[in-house]
PDB file of N, CA and C in Angstrom:
ATOM      1  N   MET A   1       0.833  -1.183  -0.007  1.00  0.00           N
ATOM      2  CA  MET A   1       0.013   0.004  -0.004  1.00  0.00           C
ATOM      3  C   MET A   1       0.900   1.244   0.001  1.00  0.00           C
ATOM      4  N   ASN A   2       0.572   2.198  -0.856  1.00  0.00           N
ATOM      5  CA  ASN A   2       1.345   3.437  -0.978  1.00  0.00           C
ATOM      6  C   ASN A   2       0.967   4.459   0.052  1.00  0.00           C
ATOM      7  N   LEU A   3       1.927   5.305   0.411  1.00  0.00           N
ATOM      8  CA  LEU A   3       1.642   6.470   1.243  1.00  0.00           C
ATOM      9  C   LEU A   3       1.376   7.636   0.316  1.00  0.00           C
ATOM     10  N   ILE A   4       0.520   8.553   0.735  1.00  0.00           N
ATOM     11  CA  ILE A   4       0.213   9.720  -0.056  1.00  0.00           C
ATOM     12  C   ILE A   4       0.621  10.966   0.693  1.00  0.00           C
ATOM     13  N   PHE A   5       1.433  11.800   0.029  1.00  0.00           N
ATOM     14  CA  PHE A   5       1.873  13.068   0.576  1.00  0.00           C
ATOM     15  C   PHE A   5       1.386  14.193  -0.303  1.00  0.00           C
ATOM     16  N   TRP A   6       1.003  15.296   0.296  1.00  0.00           N
ATOM     17  CA  TRP A   6       0.530  16.493  -0.430  1.00  0.00           C
ATOM     18  C   TRP A   6       1.572  17.592  -0.299  1.00  0.00           C
ATOM     19  N   THR A   7       1.877  18.254  -1.407  1.00  0.00           N
ATOM     20  CA  THR A   7       2.718  19.450  -1.311  1.00  0.00           C
ATOM     21  C   THR A   7       1.875  20.565  -0.722  1.00  0.00           C
ATOM     22  N   ARG A   8       2.560  21.577  -0.189  1.00  0.00           N
ATOM     23  CA  ARG A   8       1.837  22.733   0.397  1.00  0.00           C
ATOM     24  C   ARG A   8       1.025  23.439  -0.709  1.00  0.00           C
ATOM     25  N   LYS A   9       1.597  23.518  -1.896  1.00  0.00           N
ATOM     26  CA  LYS A   9       0.895  24.143  -3.036  1.00  0.00           C
ATOM     27  C   LYS A   9      -0.408  23.420  -3.344  1.00  0.00           C
ATOM     28  N   ALA A  10      -0.373  22.104  -3.366  1.00  0.00           N
ATOM     29  CA  ALA A  10      -1.581  21.311  -3.664  1.00  0.00           C
ATOM     30  C   ALA A  10      -2.630  21.476  -2.571  1.00  0.00           C
ATOM     31  N   GLU A  11      -2.177  21.557  -1.312  1.00  0.00           N
ATOM     32  CA  GLU A  11      -3.100  21.760  -0.210  1.00  0.00           C
ATOM     33  C   GLU A  11      -3.812  23.123  -0.328  1.00  0.00           C
ATOM     34  N   ARG A  12      -3.060  24.163  -0.674  1.00  0.00           N
ATOM     35  CA  ARG A  12      -3.669  25.482  -0.843  1.00  0.00           C
ATOM     36  C   ARG A  12      -4.611  25.510  -2.020  1.00  0.00           C
ATOM     37  N   GLN A  13      -4.291  24.826  -3.109  1.00  0.00           N
ATOM     38  CA  GLN A  13      -5.161  24.768  -4.254  1.00  0.00           C
ATOM     39  C   GLN A  13      -6.462  24.048  -3.905  1.00  0.00           C
ATOM     40  N   LEU A  14      -6.346  22.996  -3.115  1.00  0.00           N
ATOM     41  CA  LEU A  14      -7.520  22.211  -2.711  1.00  0.00           C
ATOM     42  C   LEU A  14      -8.470  23.087  -1.868  1.00  0.00           C
ATOM     43  N   GLU A  15      -7.905  23.924  -1.018  1.00  0.00           N
ATOM     44  CA  GLU A  15      -8.730  24.803  -0.159  1.00  0.00           C
ATOM     45  C   GLU A  15      -9.561  25.790  -0.974  1.00  0.00           C
ATOM     46  N   LYS A  16      -9.091  26.165  -2.170  1.00  0.00           N
ATOM     47  CA  LYS A  16      -9.804  27.146  -2.979  1.00  0.00           C
ATOM     48  C   LYS A  16     -10.863  26.542  -3.893  1.00  0.00           C
ATOM     49  N   ILE A  17     -10.921  25.239  -3.943  1.00  0.00           N
ATOM     50  CA  ILE A  17     -11.892  24.534  -4.800  1.00  0.00           C
ATOM     51  C   ILE A  17     -13.210  24.401  -4.046  1.00  0.00           C
ATOM     52  N   PRO A  18     -14.353  24.478  -4.739  1.00  0.00           N
ATOM     53  CA  PRO A  18     -15.663  24.297  -4.072  1.00  0.00           C
ATOM     54  C   PRO A  18     -15.724  22.990  -3.263  1.00  0.00           C
ATOM     55  N   ALA A  19     -16.472  23.036  -2.142  1.00  0.00           N
ATOM     56  CA  ALA A  19     -16.482  21.940  -1.173  1.00  0.00           C
ATOM     57  C   ALA A  19     -16.904  20.572  -1.786  1.00  0.00           C
ATOM     58  N   ASP A  20     -17.861  20.592  -2.718  1.00  0.00           N
ATOM     59  CA  ASP A  20     -18.291  19.318  -3.309  1.00  0.00           C
ATOM     60  C   ASP A  20     -17.178  18.659  -4.119  1.00  0.00           C
ATOM     61  N   TYR A  21     -16.369  19.482  -4.811  1.00  0.00           N
ATOM     62  CA  TYR A  21     -15.229  18.907  -5.536  1.00  0.00           C
ATOM     63  C   TYR A  21     -14.090  18.518  -4.606  1.00  0.00           C
ATOM     64  N   GLN A  22     -13.937  19.246  -3.508  1.00  0.00           N
ATOM     65  CA  GLN A  22     -12.899  18.902  -2.517  1.00  0.00           C
ATOM     66  C   GLN A  22     -13.104  17.467  -2.054  1.00  0.00           C
ATOM     67  N   ILE A  23     -14.338  17.142  -1.699  1.00  0.00           N
ATOM     68  CA  ILE A  23     -14.643  15.805  -1.209  1.00  0.00           C
ATOM     69  C   ILE A  23     -14.359  14.745  -2.285  1.00  0.00           C
ATOM     70  N   LYS A  24     -14.765  15.020  -3.518  1.00  0.00           N
ATOM     71  CA  LYS A  24     -14.485  14.071  -4.598  1.00  0.00           C
ATOM     72  C   LYS A  24     -13.005  13.864  -4.832  1.00  0.00           C
ATOM     73  N   ILE A  25     -12.233  14.964  -4.768  1.00  0.00           N
ATOM     74  CA  ILE A  25     -10.794  14.868  -4.979  1.00  0.00           C
ATOM     75  C   ILE A  25     -10.144  14.068  -3.876  1.00  0.00           C
ATOM     76  N   ILE A  26     -10.548  14.297  -2.630  1.00  0.00           N
ATOM     77  CA  ILE A  26      -9.988  13.545  -1.512  1.00  0.00           C
ATOM     78  C   ILE A  26     -10.304  12.077  -1.619  1.00  0.00           C
ATOM     79  N   ILE A  27     -11.521  11.731  -1.972  1.00  0.00           N
ATOM     80  CA  ILE A  27     -11.911  10.325  -2.110  1.00  0.00           C
ATOM     81  C   ILE A  27     -11.099   9.661  -3.231  1.00  0.00           C
ATOM     82  N   LYS A  28     -10.990  10.337  -4.390  1.00  0.00           N
ATOM     83  CA  LYS A  28     -10.235   9.757  -5.503  1.00  0.00           C
ATOM     84  C   LYS A  28      -8.747   9.607  -5.182  1.00  0.00           C
ATOM     85  N   THR A  29      -8.153  10.579  -4.471  1.00  0.00           N
ATOM     86  CA  THR A  29      -6.738  10.477  -4.177  1.00  0.00           C
ATOM     87  C   THR A  29      -6.480   9.361  -3.157  1.00  0.00           C
ATOM     88  N   ARG A  30      -7.426   9.086  -2.297  1.00  0.00           N
ATOM     89  CA  ARG A  30      -7.272   7.950  -1.347  1.00  0.00           C
ATOM     90  C   ARG A  30      -7.244   6.625  -2.094  1.00  0.00           C
ATOM     91  N   GLU A  31      -7.910   6.550  -3.254  1.00  0.00           N
ATOM     92  CA  GLU A  31      -7.885   5.335  -4.064  1.00  0.00           C
ATOM     93  C   GLU A  31      -6.476   5.089  -4.601  1.00  0.00           C
ATOM     94  N   LEU A  32      -5.652   6.121  -4.682  1.00  0.00           N
ATOM     95  CA  LEU A  32      -4.275   5.981  -5.186  1.00  0.00           C
ATOM     96  C   LEU A  32      -3.403   5.165  -4.245  1.00  0.00           C
ATOM     97  N   LYS A  33      -3.851   4.905  -3.029  1.00  0.00           N
ATOM     98  CA  LYS A  33      -3.066   4.085  -2.116  1.00  0.00           C
ATOM     99  C   LYS A  33      -2.836   2.697  -2.710  1.00  0.00           C
ATOM    100  N   LYS A  34      -3.762   2.257  -3.543  1.00  0.00           N
ATOM    101  CA  LYS A  34      -3.652   0.939  -4.189  1.00  0.00           C
ATOM    102  C   LYS A  34      -3.003   1.006  -5.548  1.00  0.00           C
ATOM    103  N   TYR A  35      -2.523   2.180  -5.962  1.00  0.00           N
ATOM    104  CA  TYR A  35      -1.961   2.366  -7.285  1.00  0.00           C
ATOM    105  C   TYR A  35      -0.809   1.408  -7.491  1.00  0.00           C
ATOM    106  N   PRO A  36      -0.661   0.777  -8.595  1.00  0.00           N
ATOM    107  CA  PRO A  36      -1.321   0.882  -9.895  1.00  0.00           C
ATOM    108  C   PRO A  36      -2.515  -0.057 -10.079  1.00  0.00           C
ATOM    109  N   VAL A  37      -2.969  -0.724  -9.030  1.00  0.00           N
ATOM    110  CA  VAL A  37      -4.089  -1.665  -9.134  1.00  0.00           C
ATOM    111  C   VAL A  37      -5.439  -0.943  -9.096  1.00  0.00           C
ATOM    112  N   CYS A  38      -5.469   0.283  -8.654  1.00  0.00           N
ATOM    113  CA  CYS A  38      -6.748   1.002  -8.476  1.00  0.00           C
ATOM    114  C   CYS A  38      -7.465   1.245  -9.805  1.00  0.00           C
ATOM    115  N   ASN A  39      -8.762   1.544  -9.728  1.00  0.00           N
ATOM    116  CA  ASN A  39      -9.576   1.790 -10.899  1.00  0.00           C
ATOM    117  C   ASN A  39      -9.657   3.243 -11.272  1.00  0.00           C
ATOM    118  N   ALA A  40      -8.815   4.071 -10.719  1.00  0.00           N
ATOM    119  CA  ALA A  40      -8.853   5.520 -10.969  1.00  0.00           C
ATOM    120  C   ALA A  40      -8.446   5.813 -12.400  1.00  0.00           C
ATOM    121  N   ASP A  41      -8.902   6.953 -12.910  1.00  0.00           N
ATOM    122  CA  ASP A  41      -8.591   7.379 -14.260  1.00  0.00           C
ATOM    123  C   ASP A  41      -7.243   8.101 -14.275  1.00  0.00           C
ATOM    124  N   VAL A  42      -6.160   7.325 -14.367  1.00  0.00           N
ATOM    125  CA  VAL A  42      -4.795   7.827 -14.279  1.00  0.00           C
ATOM    126  C   VAL A  42      -4.103   7.653 -15.632  1.00  0.00           C
ATOM    127  N   LYS A  43      -3.412   8.708 -16.064  1.00  0.00           N
ATOM    128  CA  LYS A  43      -2.619   8.618 -17.298  1.00  0.00           C
ATOM    129  C   LYS A  43      -1.265   9.265 -17.074  1.00  0.00           C
ATOM    130  N   GLN A  44      -0.285   8.767 -17.801  1.00  0.00           N
ATOM    131  CA  GLN A  44       1.054   9.329 -17.788  1.00  0.00           C
ATOM    132  C   GLN A  44       1.043  10.619 -18.621  1.00  0.00           C
ATOM    133  N   LEU A  45       1.639  11.697 -18.123  1.00  0.00           N
ATOM    134  CA  LEU A  45       1.764  12.921 -18.907  1.00  0.00           C
ATOM    135  C   LEU A  45       2.864  12.745 -19.914  1.00  0.00           C
ATOM    136  N   GLN A  46       2.660  13.183 -21.136  1.00  0.00           N
ATOM    137  CA  GLN A  46       3.653  13.013 -22.199  1.00  0.00           C
ATOM    138  C   GLN A  46       4.888  13.839 -21.929  1.00  0.00           C
ATOM    139  N   GLY A  47       6.033  13.231 -22.004  1.00  0.00           N
ATOM    140  CA  GLY A  47       7.302  13.906 -21.862  1.00  0.00           C
ATOM    141  C   GLY A  47       7.614  14.374 -20.468  1.00  0.00           C
ATOM    142  N   GLN A  48       6.858  13.907 -19.451  1.00  0.00           N
ATOM    143  CA  GLN A  48       7.065  14.321 -18.066  1.00  0.00           C
ATOM    144  C   GLN A  48       6.978  13.069 -17.184  1.00  0.00           C
ATOM    145  N   PRO A  49       7.623  13.097 -16.024  1.00  0.00           N
ATOM    146  CA  PRO A  49       7.554  11.947 -15.118  1.00  0.00           C
ATOM    147  C   PRO A  49       6.252  11.894 -14.348  1.00  0.00           C
ATOM    148  N   GLU A  50       5.448  12.970 -14.351  1.00  0.00           N
ATOM    149  CA  GLU A  50       4.231  13.007 -13.568  1.00  0.00           C
ATOM    150  C   GLU A  50       3.083  12.250 -14.254  1.00  0.00           C
ATOM    151  N   LYS A  51       2.097  11.909 -13.430  1.00  0.00           N
ATOM    152  CA  LYS A  51       0.884  11.306 -13.900  1.00  0.00           C
ATOM    153  C   LYS A  51      -0.265  12.225 -13.511  1.00  0.00           C
ATOM    154  N   ARG A  52      -1.441  12.033 -14.131  1.00  0.00           N
ATOM    155  CA  ARG A  52      -2.597  12.845 -13.760  1.00  0.00           C
ATOM    156  C   ARG A  52      -3.778  11.922 -13.452  1.00  0.00           C
ATOM    157  N   LEU A  53      -4.523  12.404 -12.465  1.00  0.00           N
ATOM    158  CA  LEU A  53      -5.764  11.749 -12.053  1.00  0.00           C
ATOM    159  C   LEU A  53      -6.914  12.671 -12.401  1.00  0.00           C
ATOM    160  N   ARG A  54      -7.880  12.176 -13.144  1.00  0.00           N
ATOM    161  CA  ARG A  54      -9.006  13.024 -13.547  1.00  0.00           C
ATOM    162  C   ARG A  54     -10.121  12.897 -12.522  1.00  0.00           C
ATOM    163  N   VAL A  55     -10.558  14.070 -12.013  1.00  0.00           N
ATOM    164  CA  VAL A  55     -11.672  14.119 -11.066  1.00  0.00           C
ATOM    165  C   VAL A  55     -12.616  15.224 -11.551  1.00  0.00           C
ATOM    166  N   GLY A  56     -13.623  14.858 -12.277  1.00  0.00           N
ATOM    167  CA  GLY A  56     -14.540  15.879 -12.835  1.00  0.00           C
ATOM    168  C   GLY A  56     -13.799  16.836 -13.719  1.00  0.00           C
ATOM    169  N   ARG A  57     -13.931  18.116 -13.442  1.00  0.00           N
ATOM    170  CA  ARG A  57     -13.251  19.117 -14.248  1.00  0.00           C
ATOM    171  C   ARG A  57     -11.869  19.497 -13.706  1.00  0.00           C
ATOM    172  N   TYR A  58     -11.374  18.710 -12.749  1.00  0.00           N
ATOM    173  CA  TYR A  58     -10.056  18.961 -12.154  1.00  0.00           C
ATOM    174  C   TYR A  58      -9.113  17.835 -12.477  1.00  0.00           C
ATOM    175  N   ARG A  59      -7.826  18.165 -12.518  1.00  0.00           N
ATOM    176  CA  ARG A  59      -6.774  17.188 -12.729  1.00  0.00           C
ATOM    177  C   ARG A  59      -5.802  17.259 -11.560  1.00  0.00           C
ATOM    178  N   VAL A  60      -5.548  16.127 -10.954  1.00  0.00           N
ATOM    179  CA  VAL A  60      -4.614  16.054  -9.822  1.00  0.00           C
ATOM    180  C   VAL A  60      -3.312  15.488 -10.427  1.00  0.00           C
ATOM    181  N   ILE A  61      -2.259  16.285 -10.355  1.00  0.00           N
ATOM    182  CA  ILE A  61      -0.949  15.909 -10.913  1.00  0.00           C
ATOM    183  C   ILE A  61      -0.108  15.325  -9.761  1.00  0.00           C
ATOM    184  N   PHE A  62       0.451  14.116  -9.984  1.00  0.00           N
ATOM    185  CA  PHE A  62       1.213  13.471  -8.924  1.00  0.00           C
ATOM    186  C   PHE A  62       2.408  12.709  -9.482  1.00  0.00           C
ATOM    187  N   ASN A  63       3.342  12.438  -8.577  1.00  0.00           N
ATOM    188  CA  ASN A  63       4.508  11.585  -8.860  1.00  0.00           C
ATOM    189  C   ASN A  63       4.299  10.264  -8.145  1.00  0.00           C
ATOM    190  N   HIS A  64       4.800   9.205  -8.708  1.00  0.00           N
ATOM    191  CA  HIS A  64       4.768   7.900  -8.040  1.00  0.00           C
ATOM    192  C   HIS A  64       6.156   7.317  -8.079  1.00  0.00           C
ATOM    193  N   GLU A  65       6.833   7.427  -6.971  1.00  0.00           N
ATOM    194  CA  GLU A  65       8.166   6.815  -6.861  1.00  0.00           C
ATOM    195  C   GLU A  65       8.065   5.823  -5.704  1.00  0.00           C
ATOM    196  N   ALA A  66       8.703   6.121  -4.581  1.00  0.00           N
ATOM    197  CA  ALA A  66       8.550   5.253  -3.410  1.00  0.00           C
ATOM    198  C   ALA A  66       7.206   5.444  -2.761  1.00  0.00           C
ATOM    199  N   GLU A  67       6.694   6.685  -2.832  1.00  0.00           N
ATOM    200  CA  GLU A  67       5.363   7.016  -2.346  1.00  0.00           C
ATOM    201  C   GLU A  67       4.689   7.922  -3.363  1.00  0.00           C
ATOM    202  N   ILE A  68       3.413   8.198  -3.159  1.00  0.00           N
ATOM    203  CA  ILE A  68       2.700   9.105  -4.060  1.00  0.00           C
ATOM    204  C   ILE A  68       2.773  10.517  -3.504  1.00  0.00           C
ATOM    205  N   LYS A  69       3.158  11.444  -4.342  1.00  0.00           N
ATOM    206  CA  LYS A  69       3.272  12.846  -3.939  1.00  0.00           C
ATOM    207  C   LYS A  69       2.370  13.688  -4.836  1.00  0.00           C
ATOM    208  N   ILE A  70       1.316  14.258  -4.228  1.00  0.00           N
ATOM    209  CA  ILE A  70       0.406  15.122  -4.971  1.00  0.00           C
ATOM    210  C   ILE A  70       1.096  16.456  -5.163  1.00  0.00           C
ATOM    211  N   ILE A  71       1.308  16.863  -6.394  1.00  0.00           N
ATOM    212  CA  ILE A  71       2.072  18.065  -6.710  1.00  0.00           C
ATOM    213  C   ILE A  71       1.150  19.276  -6.840  1.00  0.00           C
ATOM    214  N   ARG A  72       0.142  19.158  -7.678  1.00  0.00           N
ATOM    215  CA  ARG A  72      -0.743  20.315  -7.873  1.00  0.00           C
ATOM    216  C   ARG A  72      -2.087  19.825  -8.403  1.00  0.00           C
ATOM    217  N   ILE A  73      -3.064  20.776  -8.380  1.00  0.00           N
ATOM    218  CA  ILE A  73      -4.408  20.507  -8.885  1.00  0.00           C
ATOM    219  C   ILE A  73      -4.707  21.571  -9.945  1.00  0.00           C
ATOM    220  N   GLU A  74      -5.157  21.145 -11.091  1.00  0.00           N
ATOM    221  CA  GLU A  74      -5.460  22.089 -12.178  1.00  0.00           C
ATOM    222  C   GLU A  74      -6.919  21.955 -12.587  1.00  0.00           C
ATOM    223  N   GLU A  75      -7.521  23.093 -12.888  1.00  0.00           N
ATOM    224  CA  GLU A  75      -8.891  23.067 -13.381  1.00  0.00           C
ATOM    225  C   GLU A  75      -8.856  23.108 -14.916  1.00  0.00           C
ATOM    226  N   VAL A  76      -9.675  22.282 -15.515  1.00  0.00           N
ATOM    227  CA  VAL A  76      -9.759  22.240 -16.971  1.00  0.00           C
ATOM    228  C   VAL A  76     -10.984  23.053 -17.344  1.00  0.00           C
ATOM    229  N   LYS A  77     -10.749  24.117 -18.073  1.00  0.00           N
ATOM    230  CA  LYS A  77     -11.847  24.969 -18.504  1.00  0.00           C
ATOM    231  C   LYS A  77     -12.211  24.620 -19.934  1.00  0.00           C
ATOM    232  N   LYS A  78     -13.315  23.960 -20.075  1.00  0.00           N
ATOM    233  CA  LYS A  78     -13.746  23.507 -21.386  1.00  0.00           C
ATOM    234  C   LYS A  78     -14.657  24.518 -22.022  1.00  0.00           C
ATOM    235  N   ARG A  79     -14.661  24.530 -23.329  1.00  0.00           N
ATOM    236  CA  ARG A  79     -15.547  25.428 -24.062  1.00  0.00           C
ATOM    237  C   ARG A  79     -16.938  24.841 -24.110  1.00  0.00           C
ATOM    238  N   ASP A  80     -17.925  25.735 -24.101  1.00  0.00           N
ATOM    239  CA  ASP A  80     -19.315  25.294 -24.258  1.00  0.00           C
ATOM    240  C   ASP A  80     -19.993  26.131 -25.344  1.00  0.00           C
ATOM    241  N   ASP A  81     -21.304  26.026 -25.448  1.00  0.00           N
ATOM    242  CA  ASP A  81     -22.008  26.730 -26.520  1.00  0.00           C
ATOM    243  C   ASP A  81     -22.031  28.245 -26.357  1.00  0.00           C
ATOM    244  N   ARG A  82     -21.656  28.752 -25.182  1.00  0.00           N
ATOM    245  CA  ARG A  82     -21.658  30.180 -24.932  1.00  0.00           C
ATOM    246  C   ARG A  82     -20.303  30.836 -25.223  1.00  0.00           C
ATOM    247  N   THR A  83     -19.269  30.049 -25.509  1.00  0.00           N
ATOM    248  CA  THR A  83     -17.965  30.598 -25.816  1.00  0.00           C
ATOM    249  C   THR A  83     -17.775  30.610 -27.335  1.00  0.00           C
ATOM    250  N   TYR A  84     -16.867  31.426 -27.776  1.00  0.00           N
ATOM    251  CA  TYR A  84     -16.624  31.546 -29.204  1.00  0.00           C
ATOM    252  C   TYR A  84     -15.584  30.564 -29.694  1.00  0.00           C
TER     253      TYR A  84
END
């Protein structure tokens, strides 16, 4: 079972996210304890050592070496019918 560590930057980013997504992100990152056996939506980032976990409209960027280290959280802003 893997240990999960959060960087201070990732913790601050998590605090700024709406509460409903915070809960979803925390639940999904706990599933990473079983990584690589977990059913989470994880992909390797191209040309980088990091991986990403998709949680709704957010992406959790992490490293997996001896333990899992959550580096940052990014919001994906998708276009809809109201944008040009």
